[in-house]
Amino acid sequence: MSYGYNSGRILSKSVSDIDDVARELLNRLHGIRRSTAERARPILFVAHSLGGVVVKQVSHIDSTPKCIII
């Protein structure tokens, strides 16, 4: 799955917008990974710059994916 967002929207406002994008990403992941087998598989995030901040926020919001931030 590839996920994109409008970085101009995030940069123009407050930190809460990063939280909004992270929650949108989590909602998409929960919608796609429906079966028990799908939810049991690890998730690998590849992110750069602001995307890394979004992924880190995902790990703070929901510990279910068990993210490892590198």
Protein backbone atom coordinates (compact mmCIF):
# COMPACT_ATOMS: atom_id res chain seq x y z
CA MET A 1 0.00 0.00 0.00
CA SER A 2 1.23 3.48 -0.78
CA TYR A 3 -0.01 6.41 1.29
CA GLY A 4 0.33 10.10 0.52
CA TYR A 5 -0.85 13.32 2.12
CA ASN A 6 -0.85 17.05 1.50
CA SER A 7 2.27 18.25 3.33
CA GLY A 8 1.31 21.89 2.76
CA ARG A 9 -1.72 21.39 4.95
CA ILE A 10 0.40 19.97 7.76
CA LEU A 11 3.12 22.61 7.56
CA SER A 12 0.71 25.52 7.44
CA LYS A 13 -1.08 24.70 10.70
CA SER A 14 -0.42 23.12 14.10
CA VAL A 15 0.92 19.79 15.29
CA SER A 16 -2.62 18.47 15.56
CA ASP A 17 -2.67 18.13 11.77
CA ILE A 18 0.13 15.55 11.97
CA ASP A 19 -2.10 13.68 14.39
CA ASP A 20 -4.97 13.88 11.87
CA VAL A 21 -2.83 12.44 9.06
CA ALA A 22 -1.57 9.67 11.36
CA ARG A 23 -5.16 8.78 12.31
CA GLU A 24 -6.18 8.73 8.63
CA LEU A 25 -3.31 6.33 7.90
CA LEU A 26 -4.35 4.09 10.80
CA ASN A 27 -7.95 4.08 9.59
CA ARG A 28 -6.82 2.97 6.13
CA LEU A 29 -4.63 0.24 7.61
CA HIS A 30 -7.45 -1.06 9.79
CA GLY A 31 -9.76 -1.05 6.76
CA ILE A 32 -7.34 -2.98 4.57
CA ARG A 33 -6.08 -5.47 7.18
CA ARG A 34 -9.36 -7.17 8.07
CA SER A 35 -8.55 -10.83 8.63
CA THR A 36 -6.71 -12.15 11.67
CA ALA A 37 -3.87 -13.36 9.44
CA GLU A 38 -3.50 -9.92 7.86
CA ARG A 39 -3.47 -8.20 11.24
CA ALA A 40 -0.84 -10.64 12.52
CA ARG A 41 1.65 -9.74 9.78
CA PRO A 42 4.23 -7.07 10.61
CA ILE A 43 4.01 -3.69 8.92
CA LEU A 44 7.07 -2.10 7.38
CA PHE A 45 6.90 1.67 7.00
CA VAL A 46 9.33 3.39 4.64
CA ALA A 47 9.21 7.12 5.27
CA HIS A 48 11.35 10.18 4.81
CA SER A 49 11.37 13.52 6.58
CA LEU A 50 7.83 14.61 7.49
CA GLY A 51 6.58 11.11 6.62
CA GLY A 52 8.81 9.80 9.41
CA VAL A 53 7.12 12.18 11.84
CA VAL A 54 3.72 10.89 10.71
CA VAL A 55 4.82 7.26 11.16
CA LYS A 56 6.20 8.05 14.61
CA GLN A 57 2.85 9.61 15.53
CA VAL A 58 1.11 6.44 14.30
CA SER A 59 3.22 4.46 16.77
CA HIS A 60 2.19 6.81 19.59
CA ILE A 61 -1.53 6.65 18.75
CA ASP A 62 -1.82 2.89 18.24
CA SER A 63 0.66 0.41 19.62
CA THR A 64 -1.06 -2.48 17.79
CA PRO A 65 1.24 -2.35 14.73
CA LYS A 66 4.28 -2.61 17.05
CA CYS A 67 6.25 -0.12 15.01
CA ILE A 68 10.01 -0.03 15.15
CA ILE A 69 11.24 3.44 14.28
CA ILE A 70 14.70 3.50 12.69
